[in-house]
Amino acid sequence: MTDELLNRIAQALERLAPPPALSADLAASPAYVWDGRAIHAVEAFAPVDYDLLTGIDAQKGALLDNSRRHAAGHAAHDVLLWGARGTGKSAVVASVVGQLQGEGQDIALLQCAIDELASLPTLFSLLRGTSRPFILFLDDLGFDEGVGDARSLRSLLQGGTAARPANVRLYVTSNRRHIVPRHLSEQDDPINPRDVVDDRMALSDRFGLSLGFHALDQDAYVAIVRGYAAKLGISFDPLEAIQWATQRGSRSGRVAWQYVVELAGRNGLSV
């Protein structure tokens, strides 16, 4: 194959490739989203009020302290938030960032979808161009990602040639503490399942701070409803709130908020 033909092929590929997308101003917005090619500003960043998050005081306090250190340029951990669905893992990440911004701290939230893990080195290259502290949020890290994804993320967290920049910390939510399947039938390597478990446990070990979120008992659930209702200035019947949770088969902060939204609607309020 001649050099001329190779040049023509290369030029044709360049014409077919989409132009690089422009990224948002990384100093201008409180929150962003990474789509695998570009960073986009979030137009309306409205996290839950930090004080409204009830029943997870220890977890939100630890996360706030860690985030405050990161915002100040001090040593801070990457964080794994694990536990039952609807218990506030995702809400507390945004809430903590909003709380610090309300205190005048210059820190931003940047969310990346789990299926864009392969693009993180590109994202990190962009973030190295700013000194602003960022929380990179990976929500609901599941178990359909392969071992290769686990190893790549592990390398990005620590020790790899494309490791995250010093101004970035990863906050990751997952339903399970060690990011491993519950049954061997869920493994993606039927020959060496132990290796798969070791790989994913090695990933969870890279997080310096691991925060567990657990299912609520009835009293804690009612307390969360009470806090939300008080914020909106509406009354509620605890027995009805419990019945609402029973019908949904779950007591969680998410279910409590859904019940309060129902109450607000009945009272002609918006939330």
Protein backbone atom coordinates (compact mmCIF):
# COMPACT_ATOMS: atom_id res chain seq x y z
CA MET A 1 0.00 0.00 0.00
CA THR A 2 1.52 3.33 -1.12
CA ASP A 3 2.03 6.37 1.09
CA GLU A 4 -0.33 8.34 -1.13
CA LEU A 5 -3.10 5.79 -0.60
CA LEU A 6 -2.53 5.78 3.16
CA ASN A 7 -2.75 9.57 3.23
CA ARG A 8 -6.00 9.48 1.29
CA ILE A 9 -7.47 6.93 3.72
CA ALA A 10 -6.40 9.06 6.68
CA GLN A 11 -7.95 12.18 5.18
CA ALA A 12 -11.20 10.32 4.49
CA LEU A 13 -11.35 9.10 8.11
CA GLU A 14 -10.81 12.65 9.35
CA ARG A 15 -13.73 13.86 7.26
CA LEU A 16 -15.95 11.09 8.65
CA ALA A 17 -15.01 11.71 12.28
CA PRO A 18 -17.23 14.23 14.15
CA PRO A 19 -15.50 17.46 15.15
CA PRO A 20 -14.42 17.65 18.80
CA ALA A 21 -17.16 19.09 20.98
CA LEU A 22 -16.57 22.28 22.92
CA SER A 23 -16.75 22.04 26.70
CA ALA A 24 -18.49 24.43 29.05
CA ASP A 25 -16.66 27.08 31.06
CA LEU A 26 -15.35 25.08 34.01
CA ALA A 27 -15.34 28.10 36.30
CA ALA A 28 -18.88 29.31 35.71
CA SER A 29 -21.38 26.65 36.87
CA PRO A 30 -22.09 24.75 40.10
CA ALA A 31 -22.64 21.41 38.32
CA TYR A 32 -21.81 19.71 35.04
CA VAL A 33 -22.42 16.51 33.07
CA TRP A 34 -19.84 14.63 31.01
CA ASP A 35 -21.31 12.85 27.97
CA GLY A 36 -18.15 11.04 26.89
CA ARG A 37 -17.00 13.81 24.57
CA ALA A 38 -17.70 17.14 26.24
CA ILE A 39 -18.56 18.77 29.56
CA HIS A 40 -21.96 20.44 29.70
CA ALA A 41 -23.15 22.86 32.37
CA VAL A 42 -26.27 21.90 34.33
CA GLU A 43 -28.78 24.68 33.79
CA ALA A 44 -30.70 24.26 37.07
CA PHE A 45 -28.71 22.68 39.88
CA ALA A 46 -31.16 22.28 42.78
CA PRO A 47 -29.89 19.77 45.34
CA VAL A 48 -31.90 18.77 48.40
CA ASP A 49 -31.29 21.05 51.37
CA TYR A 50 -28.51 19.49 53.46
CA ASP A 51 -30.45 19.96 56.69
CA LEU A 52 -33.46 18.08 55.29
CA LEU A 53 -31.55 14.82 54.94
CA THR A 54 -32.55 12.93 58.07
CA GLY A 55 -31.50 9.55 59.44
CA ILE A 56 -28.04 9.61 57.81
CA ASP A 57 -26.36 12.19 60.04
CA ALA A 58 -23.08 10.29 60.44
CA GLN A 59 -22.77 9.60 56.71
CA LYS A 60 -23.56 13.12 55.56
CA GLY A 61 -21.27 14.61 58.22
CA ALA A 62 -18.34 12.47 57.10
CA LEU A 63 -19.01 13.29 53.45
CA LEU A 64 -19.28 17.02 54.19
CA ASP A 65 -16.00 17.01 56.14
CA ASN A 66 -14.19 15.17 53.34
CA SER A 67 -15.65 17.47 50.68
CA ARG A 68 -14.78 20.58 52.67
CA ARG A 69 -11.14 19.44 52.85
CA HIS A 70 -11.12 18.82 49.11
CA ALA A 71 -12.64 22.25 48.42
CA ALA A 72 -9.89 23.82 50.53
CA GLY A 73 -7.16 22.02 48.60
CA HIS A 74 -6.31 19.69 51.49
CA ALA A 75 -5.91 15.91 51.42
CA ALA A 76 -9.26 14.19 50.82
CA HIS A 77 -10.54 10.71 49.98
CA ASP A 78 -12.31 9.19 47.04
CA VAL A 79 -15.61 7.93 48.47
CA LEU A 80 -17.75 4.83 48.01
CA LEU A 81 -21.37 5.24 49.15
CA TRP A 82 -23.01 1.83 49.33
CA GLY A 83 -26.24 0.34 50.59
CA ALA A 84 -29.97 -0.05 50.08
CA ARG A 85 -31.76 1.77 47.30
CA GLY A 86 -33.56 4.98 48.14
CA THR A 87 -31.55 5.65 51.30
CA GLY A 88 -30.05 8.96 50.18
CA LYS A 89 -26.72 7.96 48.62
CA SER A 90 -27.15 10.06 45.49
CA ALA A 91 -29.04 12.89 47.18
CA VAL A 92 -26.37 13.45 49.80
CA VAL A 93 -23.61 13.87 47.21
CA ALA A 94 -25.41 16.74 45.47
CA SER A 95 -26.59 18.11 48.81
CA VAL A 96 -23.07 18.31 50.22
CA VAL A 97 -21.81 20.14 47.14
CA GLY A 98 -24.73 22.56 47.38
CA GLN A 99 -24.03 23.11 51.08
CA LEU A 100 -20.39 24.00 50.42
CA GLN A 101 -21.33 26.32 47.59
CA GLY A 102 -23.76 28.02 49.97
CA GLU A 103 -20.82 28.53 52.35
CA GLY A 104 -18.91 30.27 49.58
CA GLN A 105 -16.64 27.36 48.64
CA ASP A 106 -15.64 27.14 44.97
CA ILE A 107 -16.32 23.47 44.27
CA ALA A 108 -18.35 21.84 41.50
CA LEU A 109 -20.16 18.57 40.90
CA LEU A 110 -19.51 16.69 37.66
CA GLN A 111 -21.58 13.60 36.86
CA CYS A 112 -20.46 10.89 34.46
CA ALA A 113 -22.67 8.00 33.37
CA ILE A 114 -21.40 4.53 34.24
CA ASP A 115 -21.34 3.51 30.56
CA GLU A 116 -18.81 6.28 29.87
CA LEU A 117 -16.06 4.89 32.11
CA ALA A 118 -13.78 4.33 29.13
CA SER A 119 -13.80 8.06 28.41
CA LEU A 120 -12.54 9.12 31.85
CA PRO A 121 -8.90 9.61 30.74
CA THR A 122 -10.14 12.17 28.21
CA LEU A 123 -12.22 13.88 30.89
CA PHE A 124 -9.26 13.98 33.26
CA SER A 125 -7.15 15.63 30.58
CA LEU A 126 -9.74 18.43 30.39
CA LEU A 127 -9.93 18.81 34.17
CA ARG A 128 -6.16 19.15 34.45
CA GLY A 129 -6.59 22.50 32.72
CA THR A 130 -8.29 24.00 35.78
CA SER A 131 -7.40 24.24 39.45
CA ARG A 132 -11.04 24.32 40.56
CA PRO A 133 -11.93 21.36 42.87
CA PHE A 134 -14.36 18.88 41.30
CA ILE A 135 -16.41 16.01 42.69
CA LEU A 136 -16.72 13.43 39.90
CA PHE A 137 -19.95 11.56 40.58
CA LEU A 138 -20.49 8.01 39.28
CA ASP A 139 -24.01 6.99 40.27
CA ASP A 140 -25.11 3.36 40.68
CA LEU A 141 -21.97 1.43 39.77
CA GLY A 142 -23.47 -1.92 38.86
CA PHE A 143 -22.31 -5.41 38.06
CA ASP A 144 -22.71 -5.59 34.32
CA GLU A 145 -19.39 -3.83 33.87
CA GLY A 146 -16.63 -6.27 33.00
CA VAL A 147 -13.43 -6.99 34.88
CA GLY A 148 -11.63 -4.71 32.45
CA ASP A 149 -13.82 -1.80 33.53
CA ALA A 150 -13.10 -2.53 37.19
CA ARG A 151 -9.36 -2.64 36.53
CA SER A 152 -9.46 0.57 34.49
CA LEU A 153 -11.36 2.45 37.18
CA ARG A 154 -9.00 1.09 39.82
CA SER A 155 -6.03 2.40 37.84
CA LEU A 156 -7.67 5.80 37.42
CA LEU A 157 -8.25 6.05 41.15
CA GLN A 158 -4.66 5.40 42.08
CA GLY A 159 -1.37 4.51 40.53
CA GLY A 160 -2.18 4.47 36.82
CA THR A 161 -0.48 6.60 34.20
CA ALA A 162 -3.83 8.36 33.60
CA ALA A 163 -4.84 8.65 37.25
CA ARG A 164 -7.30 11.35 38.23
CA PRO A 165 -5.93 14.88 38.69
CA ALA A 166 -5.24 16.24 42.17
CA ASN A 167 -8.24 18.61 41.92
CA VAL A 168 -10.67 15.71 41.34
CA ARG A 169 -12.15 13.20 43.77
CA LEU A 170 -14.48 10.36 42.77
CA TYR A 171 -17.73 9.81 44.67
CA VAL A 172 -19.29 6.51 43.61
CA THR A 173 -22.60 4.95 44.67
CA SER A 174 -23.27 1.22 44.60
CA ASN A 175 -25.83 -1.16 46.06
CA ARG A 176 -23.14 -3.45 47.44
CA ARG A 177 -20.19 -2.68 49.65
CA HIS A 178 -17.54 -4.62 47.74
CA ILE A 179 -18.92 -4.06 44.22
CA VAL A 180 -19.10 -7.83 43.66
CA PRO A 181 -21.96 -10.07 42.48
CA ARG A 182 -23.93 -11.88 45.15
CA HIS A 183 -23.87 -15.24 43.34
CA LEU A 184 -21.19 -16.92 41.29
CA SER A 185 -23.72 -17.27 38.47
CA GLU A 186 -23.42 -13.49 38.07
CA GLN A 187 -19.69 -13.69 37.38
CA ASP A 188 -18.35 -12.81 33.95
CA ASP A 189 -15.47 -15.30 34.23
CA PRO A 190 -16.93 -18.81 34.90
CA ILE A 191 -13.45 -20.36 34.92
CA ASN A 192 -11.84 -18.11 37.50
CA PRO A 193 -14.65 -16.54 39.54
CA ARG A 194 -12.29 -15.89 42.46
CA ASP A 195 -10.20 -13.62 40.25
CA VAL A 196 -13.28 -11.57 39.37
CA VAL A 197 -14.15 -11.14 43.05
CA ASP A 198 -10.57 -10.16 43.87
CA ASP A 199 -10.55 -7.58 41.07
CA ARG A 200 -13.73 -5.91 42.26
CA MET A 201 -12.79 -6.02 45.93
CA ALA A 202 -9.48 -4.43 44.96
CA LEU A 203 -11.53 -1.65 43.38
CA SER A 204 -13.60 -1.05 46.52
CA ASP A 205 -10.38 -0.98 48.55
CA ARG A 206 -9.18 2.04 46.55
CA PHE A 207 -11.79 4.26 48.19
CA GLY A 208 -10.35 5.84 51.31
CA LEU A 209 -13.81 6.53 52.71
CA SER A 210 -16.60 3.94 52.56
CA LEU A 211 -20.04 5.00 53.83
CA GLY A 212 -22.85 2.51 54.39
CA PHE A 213 -26.52 3.45 53.96
CA HIS A 214 -29.01 1.04 55.49
CA ALA A 215 -32.74 0.37 55.39
CA LEU A 216 -34.73 2.56 57.79
CA ASP A 217 -36.75 1.42 60.74
CA GLN A 218 -40.27 2.80 61.14
CA ASP A 219 -39.36 5.59 63.56
CA ALA A 220 -36.56 6.87 61.34
CA TYR A 221 -38.84 6.80 58.30
CA VAL A 222 -41.55 8.83 60.10
CA ALA A 223 -38.88 11.29 61.30
CA ILE A 224 -37.82 11.90 57.70
CA VAL A 225 -41.44 12.49 56.67
CA ARG A 226 -41.82 14.90 59.58
CA GLY A 227 -38.76 16.88 58.50
CA TYR A 228 -39.93 17.20 54.90
CA ALA A 229 -43.49 18.10 55.94
CA ALA A 230 -42.27 20.74 58.39
CA LYS A 231 -40.15 22.32 55.68
CA LEU A 232 -43.27 22.72 53.52
CA GLY A 233 -45.46 23.78 56.43
CA ILE A 234 -47.94 20.90 56.13
CA SER A 235 -49.24 18.40 58.65
CA PHE A 236 -49.39 14.65 58.17
CA ASP A 237 -50.79 11.50 59.74
CA PRO A 238 -47.95 9.14 60.79
CA LEU A 239 -50.19 6.09 60.28
CA GLU A 240 -50.95 7.17 56.73
CA ALA A 241 -47.24 7.75 56.10
CA ILE A 242 -46.50 4.22 57.33
CA GLN A 243 -49.27 2.79 55.17
CA TRP A 244 -47.80 4.62 52.15
CA ALA A 245 -44.45 2.92 52.77
CA THR A 246 -46.08 -0.46 53.36
CA GLN A 247 -47.88 -0.28 50.01
CA ARG A 248 -44.56 0.35 48.30
CA GLY A 249 -42.73 -2.36 50.18
CA SER A 250 -39.97 -0.02 51.31
CA ARG A 251 -39.13 2.50 54.02
CA SER A 252 -36.60 4.95 52.63
CA GLY A 253 -35.89 8.63 52.26
CA ARG A 254 -37.08 8.42 48.67
CA VAL A 255 -40.43 6.92 49.69
CA ALA A 256 -40.77 9.53 52.44
CA TRP A 257 -40.26 12.31 49.91
CA GLN A 258 -42.78 10.74 47.52
CA TYR A 259 -45.37 10.69 50.31
CA VAL A 260 -44.70 14.35 51.11
CA VAL A 261 -45.04 15.23 47.42
CA GLU A 262 -48.46 13.55 47.56
CA LEU A 263 -49.37 15.65 50.61
CA ALA A 264 -48.16 18.82 48.93
CA GLY A 265 -50.28 18.08 45.90
CA ARG A 266 -53.37 17.57 48.03
CA ASN A 267 -52.72 20.94 49.66
CA GLY A 268 -52.25 22.75 46.37
CA LEU A 269 -48.53 23.30 46.92
CA SER A 270 -45.62 22.92 44.54
CA VAL A 271 -42.28 21.37 45.48
